[in-house]
Structure formats: C-alpha cells, structure tokens
PDB file of N, CA and C in Angstrom:
ATOM      1  N   MET A   1      91.705  73.873 103.661  1.00  0.00           N
ATOM      2  CA  MET A   1      92.701  74.926 103.700  1.00  0.00           C
ATOM      3  C   MET A   1      92.588  75.633 105.047  1.00  0.00           C
ATOM      4  N   ILE A   2      93.727  75.960 105.612  1.00  0.00           N
ATOM      5  CA  ILE A   2      93.796  76.718 106.861  1.00  0.00           C
ATOM      6  C   ILE A   2      94.752  77.886 106.644  1.00  0.00           C
ATOM      7  N   LYS A   3      94.501  78.965 107.352  1.00  0.00           N
ATOM      8  CA  LYS A   3      95.414  80.094 107.226  1.00  0.00           C
ATOM      9  C   LYS A   3      95.652  80.736 108.580  1.00  0.00           C
ATOM     10  N   LEU A   4      96.823  81.314 108.690  1.00  0.00           N
ATOM     11  CA  LEU A   4      97.208  82.118 109.836  1.00  0.00           C
ATOM     12  C   LEU A   4      97.048  83.567 109.422  1.00  0.00           C
ATOM     13  N   ILE A   5      96.323  84.327 110.220  1.00  0.00           N
ATOM     14  CA  ILE A   5      96.114  85.744 109.949  1.00  0.00           C
ATOM     15  C   ILE A   5      96.781  86.537 111.069  1.00  0.00           C
ATOM     16  N   THR A   6      97.561  87.518 110.683  1.00  0.00           N
ATOM     17  CA  THR A   6      98.214  88.386 111.652  1.00  0.00           C
ATOM     18  C   THR A   6      97.935  89.835 111.300  1.00  0.00           C
ATOM     19  N   LEU A   7      97.377  90.573 112.240  1.00  0.00           N
ATOM     20  CA  LEU A   7      97.248  92.017 112.103  1.00  0.00           C
ATOM     21  C   LEU A   7      98.485  92.601 112.761  1.00  0.00           C
ATOM     22  N   VAL A   8      99.313  93.235 111.956  1.00  0.00           N
ATOM     23  CA  VAL A   8     100.671  93.585 112.345  1.00  0.00           C
ATOM     24  C   VAL A   8     100.783  95.051 112.767  1.00  0.00           C
ATOM     25  N   LYS A   9     101.423  95.252 113.918  1.00  0.00           N
ATOM     26  CA  LYS A   9     101.831  96.586 114.361  1.00  0.00           C
ATOM     27  C   LYS A   9     103.356  96.643 114.290  1.00  0.00           C
ATOM     28  N   ARG A  10     103.863  97.734 113.789  1.00  0.00           N
ATOM     29  CA  ARG A  10     105.312  97.889 113.643  1.00  0.00           C
ATOM     30  C   ARG A  10     105.968  98.263 114.971  1.00  0.00           C
ATOM     31  N   GLN A  11     107.259  98.028 115.042  1.00  0.00           N
ATOM     32  CA  GLN A  11     108.045  98.497 116.177  1.00  0.00           C
ATOM     33  C   GLN A  11     107.949 100.019 116.225  1.00  0.00           C
ATOM     34  N   LYS A  12     107.819 100.571 117.407  1.00  0.00           N
ATOM     35  CA  LYS A  12     107.662 102.027 117.570  1.00  0.00           C
ATOM     36  C   LYS A  12     108.876 102.805 117.068  1.00  0.00           C
ATOM     37  N   THR A  13     110.012 102.157 116.984  1.00  0.00           N
ATOM     38  CA  THR A  13     111.232 102.837 116.536  1.00  0.00           C
ATOM     39  C   THR A  13     111.284 103.013 115.019  1.00  0.00           C
ATOM     40  N   LEU A  14     110.345 102.402 114.300  1.00  0.00           N
ATOM     41  CA  LEU A  14     110.342 102.462 112.837  1.00  0.00           C
ATOM     42  C   LEU A  14     109.244 103.373 112.317  1.00  0.00           C
ATOM     43  N   SER A  15     109.547 104.118 111.283  1.00  0.00           N
ATOM     44  CA  SER A  15     108.492 104.840 110.573  1.00  0.00           C
ATOM     45  C   SER A  15     107.690 103.812 109.777  1.00  0.00           C
ATOM     46  N   TYR A  16     106.506 104.223 109.325  1.00  0.00           N
ATOM     47  CA  TYR A  16     105.722 103.297 108.507  1.00  0.00           C
ATOM     48  C   TYR A  16     106.491 102.903 107.249  1.00  0.00           C
ATOM     49  N   GLN A  17     107.167 103.846 106.616  1.00  0.00           N
ATOM     50  CA  GLN A  17     107.912 103.570 105.389  1.00  0.00           C
ATOM     51  C   GLN A  17     109.052 102.574 105.646  1.00  0.00           C
ATOM     52  N   GLU A  18     109.762 102.740 106.770  1.00  0.00           N
ATOM     53  CA  GLU A  18     110.832 101.797 107.115  1.00  0.00           C
ATOM     54  C   GLU A  18     110.264 100.402 107.354  1.00  0.00           C
ATOM     55  N   PHE A  19     109.170 100.351 108.116  1.00  0.00           N
ATOM     56  CA  PHE A  19     108.502  99.079 108.383  1.00  0.00           C
ATOM     57  C   PHE A  19     108.081  98.400 107.083  1.00  0.00           C
ATOM     58  N   ASP A  20     107.354  99.124 106.244  1.00  0.00           N
ATOM     59  CA  ASP A  20     106.812  98.539 105.015  1.00  0.00           C
ATOM     60  C   ASP A  20     107.926  98.097 104.067  1.00  0.00           C
ATOM     61  N   ASN A  21     108.971  98.881 103.961  1.00  0.00           N
ATOM     62  CA  ASN A  21     110.097  98.518 103.107  1.00  0.00           C
ATOM     63  C   ASN A  21     110.740  97.208 103.596  1.00  0.00           C
ATOM     64  N   TYR A  22     110.973  97.097 104.880  1.00  0.00           N
ATOM     65  CA  TYR A  22     111.593  95.891 105.436  1.00  0.00           C
ATOM     66  C   TYR A  22     110.675  94.688 105.253  1.00  0.00           C
ATOM     67  N   TRP A  23     109.400  94.873 105.580  1.00  0.00           N
ATOM     68  CA  TRP A  23     108.428  93.781 105.493  1.00  0.00           C
ATOM     69  C   TRP A  23     108.295  93.275 104.059  1.00  0.00           C
ATOM     70  N   HIS A  24     108.176  94.204 103.124  1.00  0.00           N
ATOM     71  CA  HIS A  24     107.954  93.839 101.721  1.00  0.00           C
ATOM     72  C   HIS A  24     109.219  93.340 101.030  1.00  0.00           C
ATOM     73  N   ASN A  25     110.338  94.000 101.267  1.00  0.00           N
ATOM     74  CA  ASN A  25     111.549  93.688 100.510  1.00  0.00           C
ATOM     75  C   ASN A  25     112.489  92.702 101.185  1.00  0.00           C
ATOM     76  N   HIS A  26     112.392  92.537 102.495  1.00  0.00           N
ATOM     77  CA  HIS A  26     113.270  91.575 103.176  1.00  0.00           C
ATOM     78  C   HIS A  26     112.477  90.385 103.728  1.00  0.00           C
ATOM     79  N   HIS A  27     111.506  90.672 104.599  1.00  0.00           N
ATOM     80  CA  HIS A  27     110.810  89.569 105.266  1.00  0.00           C
ATOM     81  C   HIS A  27     110.046  88.687 104.277  1.00  0.00           C
ATOM     82  N   ALA A  28     109.422  89.287 103.291  1.00  0.00           N
ATOM     83  CA  ALA A  28     108.684  88.489 102.297  1.00  0.00           C
ATOM     84  C   ALA A  28     109.605  87.499 101.591  1.00  0.00           C
ATOM     85  N   ASN A  29     110.804  87.936 101.252  1.00  0.00           N
ATOM     86  CA  ASN A  29     111.769  87.034 100.619  1.00  0.00           C
ATOM     87  C   ASN A  29     112.203  85.927 101.569  1.00  0.00           C
ATOM     88  N   LEU A  30     112.333  86.256 102.845  1.00  0.00           N
ATOM     89  CA  LEU A  30     112.703  85.255 103.835  1.00  0.00           C
ATOM     90  C   LEU A  30     111.600  84.205 103.988  1.00  0.00           C
ATOM     91  N   VAL A  31     110.358  84.647 104.057  1.00  0.00           N
ATOM     92  CA  VAL A  31     109.234  83.698 104.124  1.00  0.00           C
ATOM     93  C   VAL A  31     109.243  82.809 102.884  1.00  0.00           C
ATOM     94  N   ASN A  32     109.419  83.411 101.731  1.00  0.00           N
ATOM     95  CA  ASN A  32     109.445  82.648 100.480  1.00  0.00           C
ATOM     96  C   ASN A  32     110.560  81.597 100.497  1.00  0.00           C
ATOM     97  N   SER A  33     111.691  81.940 101.073  1.00  0.00           N
ATOM     98  CA  SER A  33     112.816  80.993 101.112  1.00  0.00           C
ATOM     99  C   SER A  33     112.551  79.813 102.048  1.00  0.00           C
ATOM    100  N   GLN A  34     111.570  79.955 102.947  1.00  0.00           N
ATOM    101  CA  GLN A  34     111.263  78.901 103.920  1.00  0.00           C
ATOM    102  C   GLN A  34     109.938  78.186 103.628  1.00  0.00           C
ATOM    103  N   LYS A  35     109.314  78.497 102.498  1.00  0.00           N
ATOM    104  CA  LYS A  35     107.978  77.954 102.228  1.00  0.00           C
ATOM    105  C   LYS A  35     107.957  76.433 102.135  1.00  0.00           C
ATOM    106  N   GLU A  36     108.980  75.827 101.574  1.00  0.00           N
ATOM    107  CA  GLU A  36     108.988  74.367 101.475  1.00  0.00           C
ATOM    108  C   GLU A  36     109.199  73.723 102.832  1.00  0.00           C
ATOM    109  N   ALA A  37     110.094  74.283 103.635  1.00  0.00           N
ATOM    110  CA  ALA A  37     110.345  73.738 104.973  1.00  0.00           C
ATOM    111  C   ALA A  37     109.088  73.803 105.838  1.00  0.00           C
ATOM    112  N   LEU A  38     108.234  74.806 105.578  1.00  0.00           N
ATOM    113  CA  LEU A  38     107.033  75.000 106.391  1.00  0.00           C
ATOM    114  C   LEU A  38     105.749  74.562 105.701  1.00  0.00           C
ATOM    115  N   GLY A  39     105.838  74.093 104.465  1.00  0.00           N
ATOM    116  CA  GLY A  39     104.646  73.634 103.748  1.00  0.00           C
ATOM    117  C   GLY A  39     103.677  74.747 103.401  1.00  0.00           C
ATOM    118  N   ILE A  40     104.184  75.960 103.226  1.00  0.00           N
ATOM    119  CA  ILE A  40     103.331  77.116 102.942  1.00  0.00           C
ATOM    120  C   ILE A  40     102.887  77.095 101.481  1.00  0.00           C
ATOM    121  N   LEU A  41     101.580  77.268 101.270  1.00  0.00           N
ATOM    122  CA  LEU A  41     101.038  77.356  99.908  1.00  0.00           C
ATOM    123  C   LEU A  41     101.020  78.785  99.397  1.00  0.00           C
ATOM    124  N   HIS A  42     100.608  79.729 100.256  1.00  0.00           N
ATOM    125  CA  HIS A  42     100.502  81.138  99.866  1.00  0.00           C
ATOM    126  C   HIS A  42     100.914  82.007 101.039  1.00  0.00           C
ATOM    127  N   TYR A  43     101.494  83.146 100.709  1.00  0.00           N
ATOM    128  CA  TYR A  43     101.802  84.173 101.701  1.00  0.00           C
ATOM    129  C   TYR A  43     101.338  85.494 101.094  1.00  0.00           C
ATOM    130  N   VAL A  44     100.459  86.185 101.816  1.00  0.00           N
ATOM    131  CA  VAL A  44      99.872  87.423 101.318  1.00  0.00           C
ATOM    132  C   VAL A  44     100.095  88.528 102.343  1.00  0.00           C
ATOM    133  N   GLN A  45     100.553  89.677 101.871  1.00  0.00           N
ATOM    134  CA  GLN A  45     100.641  90.872 102.706  1.00  0.00           C
ATOM    135  C   GLN A  45      99.593  91.865 102.210  1.00  0.00           C
ATOM    136  N   SER A  46      98.795  92.380 103.133  1.00  0.00           N
ATOM    137  CA  SER A  46      97.838  93.443 102.817  1.00  0.00           C
ATOM    138  C   SER A  46      98.264  94.688 103.577  1.00  0.00           C
ATOM    139  N   VAL A  47      98.291  95.819 102.873  1.00  0.00           N
ATOM    140  CA  VAL A  47      98.717  97.078 103.483  1.00  0.00           C
ATOM    141  C   VAL A  47      97.548  98.057 103.463  1.00  0.00           C
ATOM    142  N   PRO A  48      97.473  98.922 104.478  1.00  0.00           N
ATOM    143  CA  PRO A  48      96.352  99.863 104.539  1.00  0.00           C
ATOM    144  C   PRO A  48      96.433 100.919 103.439  1.00  0.00           C
ATOM    145  N   LEU A  49      95.272 101.347 103.001  1.00  0.00           N
ATOM    146  CA  LEU A  49      95.220 102.459 102.055  1.00  0.00           C
ATOM    147  C   LEU A  49      95.789 103.697 102.719  1.00  0.00           C
ATOM    148  N   GLN A  50      96.574 104.450 101.990  1.00  0.00           N
ATOM    149  CA  GLN A  50      97.095 105.703 102.525  1.00  0.00           C
ATOM    150  C   GLN A  50      96.009 106.782 102.548  1.00  0.00           C
ATOM    151  N   ASP A  51      95.039 106.668 101.655  1.00  0.00           N
ATOM    152  CA  ASP A  51      93.884 107.568 101.641  1.00  0.00           C
ATOM    153  C   ASP A  51      92.904 107.062 102.701  1.00  0.00           C
ATOM    154  N   LYS A  52      92.747 107.792 103.781  1.00  0.00           N
ATOM    155  CA  LYS A  52      91.920 107.362 104.915  1.00  0.00           C
ATOM    156  C   LYS A  52      90.430 107.614 104.706  1.00  0.00           C
ATOM    157  N   LYS A  53      90.052 108.354 103.665  1.00  0.00           N
ATOM    158  CA  LYS A  53      88.640 108.715 103.474  1.00  0.00           C
ATOM    159  C   LYS A  53      87.716 107.505 103.344  1.00  0.00           C
ATOM    160  N   PRO A  54      88.018 106.498 102.507  1.00  0.00           N
ATOM    161  CA  PRO A  54      87.084 105.364 102.408  1.00  0.00           C
ATOM    162  C   PRO A  54      86.890 104.633 103.741  1.00  0.00           C
ATOM    163  N   GLY A  55      87.976 104.411 104.462  1.00  0.00           N
ATOM    164  CA  GLY A  55      87.862 103.726 105.749  1.00  0.00           C
ATOM    165  C   GLY A  55      87.104 104.547 106.773  1.00  0.00           C
ATOM    166  N   ASN A  56      87.376 105.851 106.788  1.00  0.00           N
ATOM    167  CA  ASN A  56      86.661 106.729 107.722  1.00  0.00           C
ATOM    168  C   ASN A  56      85.173 106.763 107.408  1.00  0.00           C
ATOM    169  N   ALA A  57      84.815 106.837 106.135  1.00  0.00           N
ATOM    170  CA  ALA A  57      83.403 106.857 105.743  1.00  0.00           C
ATOM    171  C   ALA A  57      82.710 105.560 106.150  1.00  0.00           C
ATOM    172  N   MET A  58      83.364 104.425 105.941  1.00  0.00           N
ATOM    173  CA  MET A  58      82.786 103.136 106.312  1.00  0.00           C
ATOM    174  C   MET A  58      82.607 103.044 107.830  1.00  0.00           C
ATOM    175  N   ARG A  59      83.631 103.458 108.579  1.00  0.00           N
ATOM    176  CA  ARG A  59      83.534 103.419 110.044  1.00  0.00           C
ATOM    177  C   ARG A  59      82.425 104.335 110.552  1.00  0.00           C
ATOM    178  N   ASN A  60      82.383 105.552 110.008  1.00  0.00           N
ATOM    179  CA  ASN A  60      81.370 106.511 110.461  1.00  0.00           C
ATOM    180  C   ASN A  60      79.961 106.025 110.170  1.00  0.00           C
ATOM    181  N   SER A  61      79.753 105.357 109.050  1.00  0.00           N
ATOM    182  CA  SER A  61      78.411 104.879 108.701  1.00  0.00           C
ATOM    183  C   SER A  61      77.956 103.734 109.606  1.00  0.00           C
ATOM    184  N   ARG A  62      78.894 103.138 110.330  1.00  0.00           N
ATOM    185  CA  ARG A  62      78.573 102.008 111.196  1.00  0.00           C
ATOM    186  C   ARG A  62      78.891 102.274 112.669  1.00  0.00           C
ATOM    187  N   ASP A  63      79.337 103.482 112.961  1.00  0.00           N
ATOM    188  CA  ASP A  63      79.757 103.843 114.319  1.00  0.00           C
ATOM    189  C   ASP A  63      80.790 102.843 114.846  1.00  0.00           C
ATOM    190  N   ALA A  64      81.720 102.464 113.976  1.00  0.00           N
ATOM    191  CA  ALA A  64      82.753 101.471 114.308  1.00  0.00           C
ATOM    192  C   ALA A  64      83.984 102.169 114.887  1.00  0.00           C
ATOM    193  N   PRO A  65      84.714 101.488 115.765  1.00  0.00           N
ATOM    194  CA  PRO A  65      85.925 102.096 116.335  1.00  0.00           C
ATOM    195  C   PRO A  65      87.052 102.166 115.304  1.00  0.00           C
ATOM    196  N   ILE A  66      87.998 103.048 115.577  1.00  0.00           N
ATOM    197  CA  ILE A  66      89.198 103.123 114.747  1.00  0.00           C
ATOM    198  C   ILE A  66      90.014 101.869 114.988  1.00  0.00           C
ATOM    199  N   PHE A  67      90.466 101.266 113.931  1.00  0.00           N
ATOM    200  CA  PHE A  67      91.153  99.976 113.966  1.00  0.00           C
ATOM    201  C   PHE A  67      92.419 100.135 113.159  1.00  0.00           C
ATOM    202  N   GLU A  68      93.484 100.563 113.795  1.00  0.00           N
ATOM    203  CA  GLU A  68      94.712 100.901 113.073  1.00  0.00           C
ATOM    204  C   GLU A  68      95.784  99.833 113.235  1.00  0.00           C
ATOM    205  N   PHE A  69      96.145  99.205 112.140  1.00  0.00           N
ATOM    206  CA  PHE A  69      97.282  98.295 112.088  1.00  0.00           C
ATOM    207  C   PHE A  69      98.129  98.693 110.896  1.00  0.00           C
ATOM    208  N   ASP A  70      99.375  98.251 110.895  1.00  0.00           N
ATOM    209  CA  ASP A  70     100.293  98.620 109.820  1.00  0.00           C
ATOM    210  C   ASP A  70     100.239  97.652 108.652  1.00  0.00           C
ATOM    211  N   GLY A  71      99.577  96.527 108.845  1.00  0.00           N
ATOM    212  CA  GLY A  71      99.439  95.561 107.765  1.00  0.00           C
ATOM    213  C   GLY A  71      98.773  94.301 108.256  1.00  0.00           C
ATOM    214  N   MET A  72      98.472  93.434 107.321  1.00  0.00           N
ATOM    215  CA  MET A  72      97.896  92.130 107.619  1.00  0.00           C
ATOM    216  C   MET A  72      98.646  91.086 106.800  1.00  0.00           C
ATOM    217  N   ALA A  73      99.031  89.999 107.446  1.00  0.00           N
ATOM    218  CA  ALA A  73      99.684  88.894 106.750  1.00  0.00           C
ATOM    219  C   ALA A  73      98.792  87.670 106.835  1.00  0.00           C
ATOM    220  N   GLU A  74      98.771  86.911 105.750  1.00  0.00           N
ATOM    221  CA  GLU A  74      98.046  85.646 105.712  1.00  0.00           C
ATOM    222  C   GLU A  74      98.990  84.585 105.164  1.00  0.00           C
ATOM    223  N   ILE A  75      99.067  83.472 105.881  1.00  0.00           N
ATOM    224  CA  ILE A  75      99.853  82.331 105.426  1.00  0.00           C
ATOM    225  C   ILE A  75      98.905  81.143 105.336  1.00  0.00           C
ATOM    226  N   TYR A  76      98.912  80.478 104.171  1.00  0.00           N
ATOM    227  CA  TYR A  76      97.984  79.379 103.895  1.00  0.00           C
ATOM    228  C   TYR A  76      98.707  78.036 103.853  1.00  0.00           C
ATOM    229  N   TRP A  77      98.030  77.021 104.403  1.00  0.00           N
ATOM    230  CA  TRP A  77      98.478  75.630 104.302  1.00  0.00           C
ATOM    231  C   TRP A  77      97.347  74.779 103.752  1.00  0.00           C
ATOM    232  N   GLN A  78      97.714  73.608 103.264  1.00  0.00           N
ATOM    233  CA  GLN A  78      96.739  72.682 102.675  1.00  0.00           C
ATOM    234  C   GLN A  78      95.682  72.267 103.697  1.00  0.00           C
ATOM    235  N   SER A  79      96.106  71.979 104.932  1.00  0.00           N
ATOM    236  CA  SER A  79      95.179  71.554 105.983  1.00  0.00           C
ATOM    237  C   SER A  79      95.822  71.792 107.342  1.00  0.00           C
ATOM    238  N   LYS A  80      94.991  71.779 108.366  1.00  0.00           N
ATOM    239  CA  LYS A  80      95.508  71.926 109.727  1.00  0.00           C
ATOM    240  C   LYS A  80      96.443  70.771 110.059  1.00  0.00           C
ATOM    241  N   GLU A  81      96.061  69.569 109.662  1.00  0.00           N
ATOM    242  CA  GLU A  81      96.882  68.391 109.946  1.00  0.00           C
ATOM    243  C   GLU A  81      98.252  68.490 109.281  1.00  0.00           C
ATOM    244  N   LYS A  82      98.276  68.911 108.027  1.00  0.00           N
ATOM    245  CA  LYS A  82      99.535  69.065 107.294  1.00  0.00           C
ATOM    246  C   LYS A  82     100.413  70.133 107.954  1.00  0.00           C
ATOM    247  N   MET A  83      99.804  71.266 108.316  1.00  0.00           N
ATOM    248  CA  MET A  83     100.545  72.347 108.960  1.00  0.00           C
ATOM    249  C   MET A  83     101.128  71.881 110.291  1.00  0.00           C
ATOM    250  N   LEU A  84     100.346  71.178 111.090  1.00  0.00           N
ATOM    251  CA  LEU A  84     100.820  70.719 112.397  1.00  0.00           C
ATOM    252  C   LEU A  84     101.900  69.648 112.273  1.00  0.00           C
ATOM    253  N   SER A  85     101.744  68.742 111.321  1.00  0.00           N
ATOM    254  CA  SER A  85     102.723  67.655 111.192  1.00  0.00           C
ATOM    255  C   SER A  85     104.069  68.151 110.672  1.00  0.00           C
ATOM    256  N   ILE A  86     104.054  69.098 109.758  1.00  0.00           N
ATOM    257  CA  ILE A  86     105.312  69.585 109.184  1.00  0.00           C
ATOM    258  C   ILE A  86     106.103  70.412 110.201  1.00  0.00           C
ATOM    259  N   ARG A  87     105.411  71.047 111.145  1.00  0.00           N
ATOM    260  CA  ARG A  87     106.076  71.912 112.128  1.00  0.00           C
ATOM    261  C   ARG A  87     106.977  71.147 113.095  1.00  0.00           C
ATOM    262  N   THR A  88     106.864  69.825 113.134  1.00  0.00           N
ATOM    263  CA  THR A  88     107.660  69.037 114.076  1.00  0.00           C
ATOM    264  C   THR A  88     109.045  68.685 113.528  1.00  0.00           C
ATOM    265  N   SER A  89     109.273  68.891 112.242  1.00  0.00           N
ATOM    266  CA  SER A  89     110.570  68.532 111.663  1.00  0.00           C
ATOM    267  C   SER A  89     111.644  69.523 112.115  1.00  0.00           C
ATOM    268  N   PRO A  90     112.887  69.072 112.234  1.00  0.00           N
ATOM    269  CA  PRO A  90     113.975  69.985 112.600  1.00  0.00           C
ATOM    270  C   PRO A  90     114.111  71.151 111.623  1.00  0.00           C
ATOM    271  N   GLU A  91     113.912  70.891 110.330  1.00  0.00           N
ATOM    272  CA  GLU A  91     114.003  71.944 109.314  1.00  0.00           C
ATOM    273  C   GLU A  91     112.931  73.011 109.545  1.00  0.00           C
ATOM    274  N   ALA A  92     111.706  72.581 109.850  1.00  0.00           N
ATOM    275  CA  ALA A  92     110.621  73.537 110.099  1.00  0.00           C
ATOM    276  C   ALA A  92     110.867  74.322 111.378  1.00  0.00           C
ATOM    277  N   LYS A  93     111.372  73.661 112.410  1.00  0.00           N
ATOM    278  CA  LYS A  93     111.656  74.370 113.664  1.00  0.00           C
ATOM    279  C   LYS A  93     112.706  75.451 113.445  1.00  0.00           C
ATOM    280  N   ARG A  94     113.722  75.164 112.638  1.00  0.00           N
ATOM    281  CA  ARG A  94     114.737  76.170 112.313  1.00  0.00           C
ATOM    282  C   ARG A  94     114.109  77.327 111.525  1.00  0.00           C
ATOM    283  N   ALA A  95     113.248  76.984 110.575  1.00  0.00           N
ATOM    284  CA  ALA A  95     112.596  78.012 109.753  1.00  0.00           C
ATOM    285  C   ALA A  95     111.704  78.916 110.610  1.00  0.00           C
ATOM    286  N   ILE A  96     110.954  78.321 111.521  1.00  0.00           N
ATOM    287  CA  ILE A  96     110.084  79.101 112.412  1.00  0.00           C
ATOM    288  C   ILE A  96     110.915  80.061 113.252  1.00  0.00           C
ATOM    289  N   GLN A  97     112.021  79.587 113.798  1.00  0.00           N
ATOM    290  CA  GLN A  97     112.882  80.445 114.619  1.00  0.00           C
ATOM    291  C   GLN A  97     113.509  81.556 113.781  1.00  0.00           C
ATOM    292  N   LEU A  98     113.923  81.223 112.574  1.00  0.00           N
ATOM    293  CA  LEU A  98     114.497  82.220 111.666  1.00  0.00           C
ATOM    294  C   LEU A  98     113.497  83.340 111.386  1.00  0.00           C
ATOM    295  N   LEU A  99     112.249  82.961 111.086  1.00  0.00           N
ATOM    296  CA  LEU A  99     111.220  83.962 110.794  1.00  0.00           C
ATOM    297  C   LEU A  99     110.867  84.780 112.031  1.00  0.00           C
ATOM    298  N   LEU A 100     110.782  84.132 113.178  1.00  0.00           N
ATOM    299  CA  LEU A 100     110.482  84.859 114.414  1.00  0.00           C
ATOM    300  C   LEU A 100     111.591  85.850 114.748  1.00  0.00           C
ATOM    301  N   ASP A 101     112.842  85.422 114.633  1.00  0.00           N
ATOM    302  CA  ASP A 101     113.964  86.326 114.893  1.00  0.00           C
ATOM    303  C   ASP A 101     113.904  87.539 113.961  1.00  0.00           C
ATOM    304  N   ASP A 102     113.539  87.316 112.709  1.00  0.00           N
ATOM    305  CA  ASP A 102     113.441  88.425 111.770  1.00  0.00           C
ATOM    306  C   ASP A 102     112.256  89.328 112.116  1.00  0.00           C
ATOM    307  N   GLU A 103     111.120  88.736 112.455  1.00  0.00           N
ATOM    308  CA  GLU A 103     109.943  89.531 112.831  1.00  0.00           C
ATOM    309  C   GLU A 103     110.257  90.452 114.006  1.00  0.00           C
ATOM    310  N   ASN A 104     111.076  89.969 114.923  1.00  0.00           N
ATOM    311  CA  ASN A 104     111.419  90.779 116.093  1.00  0.00           C
ATOM    312  C   ASN A 104     112.170  92.049 115.722  1.00  0.00           C
ATOM    313  N   GLN A 105     112.647  92.153 114.483  1.00  0.00           N
ATOM    314  CA  GLN A 105     113.338  93.353 114.015  1.00  0.00           C
ATOM    315  C   GLN A 105     112.368  94.469 113.624  1.00  0.00           C
ATOM    316  N   PHE A 106     111.108  94.104 113.319  1.00  0.00           N
ATOM    317  CA  PHE A 106     110.201  95.137 112.804  1.00  0.00           C
ATOM    318  C   PHE A 106     108.762  95.036 113.302  1.00  0.00           C
ATOM    319  N   VAL A 107     108.381  93.939 113.948  1.00  0.00           N
ATOM    320  CA  VAL A 107     107.009  93.738 114.416  1.00  0.00           C
ATOM    321  C   VAL A 107     106.945  93.903 115.935  1.00  0.00           C
ATOM    322  N   ASP A 108     105.924  94.615 116.397  1.00  0.00           N
ATOM    323  CA  ASP A 108     105.631  94.683 117.827  1.00  0.00           C
ATOM    324  C   ASP A 108     104.590  93.610 118.116  1.00  0.00           C
ATOM    325  N   HIS A 109     105.046  92.441 118.531  1.00  0.00           N
ATOM    326  CA  HIS A 109     104.134  91.317 118.767  1.00  0.00           C
ATOM    327  C   HIS A 109     103.152  91.587 119.900  1.00  0.00           C
ATOM    328  N   SER A 110     103.539  92.424 120.853  1.00  0.00           N
ATOM    329  CA  SER A 110     102.641  92.699 121.979  1.00  0.00           C
ATOM    330  C   SER A 110     101.416  93.514 121.551  1.00  0.00           C
ATOM    331  N   GLN A 111     101.473  94.133 120.369  1.00  0.00           N
ATOM    332  CA  GLN A 111     100.364  94.939 119.860  1.00  0.00           C
ATOM    333  C   GLN A 111      99.715  94.328 118.613  1.00  0.00           C
ATOM    334  N   SER A 112     100.204  93.175 118.180  1.00  0.00           N
ATOM    335  CA  SER A 112      99.686  92.510 116.976  1.00  0.00           C
ATOM    336  C   SER A 112      98.688  91.423 117.379  1.00  0.00           C
ATOM    337  N   LEU A 113      97.799  91.102 116.466  1.00  0.00           N
ATOM    338  CA  LEU A 113      96.800  90.055 116.702  1.00  0.00           C
ATOM    339  C   LEU A 113      97.070  88.879 115.776  1.00  0.00           C
ATOM    340  N   ILE A 114      96.903  87.665 116.297  1.00  0.00           N
ATOM    341  CA  ILE A 114      97.208  86.457 115.522  1.00  0.00           C
ATOM    342  C   ILE A 114      96.099  85.431 115.758  1.00  0.00           C
ATOM    343  N   TRP A 115      95.604  84.830 114.682  1.00  0.00           N
ATOM    344  CA  TRP A 115      94.677  83.722 114.824  1.00  0.00           C
ATOM    345  C   TRP A 115      94.680  82.856 113.579  1.00  0.00           C
ATOM    346  N   TYR A 116      94.232  81.603 113.747  1.00  0.00           N
ATOM    347  CA  TYR A 116      94.075  80.666 112.636  1.00  0.00           C
ATOM    348  C   TYR A 116      92.615  80.667 112.209  1.00  0.00           C
ATOM    349  N   ALA A 117      92.385  80.451 110.920  1.00  0.00           N
ATOM    350  CA  ALA A 117      91.035  80.467 110.392  1.00  0.00           C
ATOM    351  C   ALA A 117      90.898  79.544 109.190  1.00  0.00           C
ATOM    352  N   THR A 118      89.677  79.213 108.898  1.00  0.00           N
ATOM    353  CA  THR A 118      89.334  78.583 107.626  1.00  0.00           C
ATOM    354  C   THR A 118      88.399  79.557 106.917  1.00  0.00           C
ATOM    355  N   GLU A 119      88.419  79.505 105.596  1.00  0.00           N
ATOM    356  CA  GLU A 119      87.607  80.429 104.805  1.00  0.00           C
ATOM    357  C   GLU A 119      86.269  79.800 104.440  1.00  0.00           C
ATOM    358  N   ARG A 120      85.270  80.652 104.365  1.00  0.00           N
ATOM    359  CA  ARG A 120      83.983  80.300 103.759  1.00  0.00           C
ATOM    360  C   ARG A 120      83.822  81.219 102.564  1.00  0.00           C
ATOM    361  N   ILE A 121      84.098  80.741 101.412  1.00  0.00           N
ATOM    362  CA  ILE A 121      83.988  81.579 100.214  1.00  0.00           C
ATOM    363  C   ILE A 121      82.511  81.618  99.811  1.00  0.00           C
ATOM    364  N   ILE A 122      81.949  82.798  99.817  1.00  0.00           N
ATOM    365  CA  ILE A 122      80.541  82.984  99.548  1.00  0.00           C
ATOM    366  C   ILE A 122      80.297  83.375  98.088  1.00  0.00           C
ATOM    367  N   ILE A 123      81.117  84.252  97.565  1.00  0.00           N
ATOM    368  CA  ILE A 123      80.972  84.684  96.171  1.00  0.00           C
ATOM    369  C   ILE A 123      82.245  84.335  95.414  1.00  0.00           C
TER     370      ILE A 123
END
C-alpha cells in the first residue's frame, strides 16, 4: 500500500469555515467521483482540533515549533506500481487535471506539503 499525504494550507482569501466547507462538501465528492479513474482505495481528510489546548500542551512538553495547517489529506493506492501505471491513461490524466483545477480554488499549494509514504503499522 502507498499513500499520498498532503498538509493543506487554504487560500488566504478564504476563512477556515469557507475552506473546510468547500473541501468537505465539494472537493471530497469530486475525489470520490474520480476514484475509479485513479485507482484510489481510500481518501481521508483530517481536520485540526478547534480546541488548541491539547496540541499546545504536547508542543510545550517537547519544545516543538508551532505547526499550523488547515487540514491533512491522505489518498491510498494498492501499490506504487499500480498508482504509477494507472496515471498514464487518458481518463486518469483528465481526472488529475480536474482535481488540480478544483484544488486551485481553495488550496495554497505554495504553502502546502506533499509526499508519498508507506505505512508501518506497529499497533
């Protein structure tokens, strides 16, 4: 299994509520509509707690820097090979462009972080 992880920053023109509403109610449906074209197994959105106390306590106990993002997205595929091979089809290329065009409506890509990973499930 391979996954794409994105730490998402919203466009500066959007409030957090506008960003989250669009991401959850529009973009998630768009990703879901393209899952077969892209071979996606799972799509997960994680949103920050509005109560900052637990995060602040954890950071303070470790002298960790403030790490503020508006959300985290994870997209899972069966394997790296499967993900790479499916991306070459015309249908997948259209789906990728469709999702990117939509992301440009609410995501600040210049401030977001993106990487691929594999999981090591320990517990």
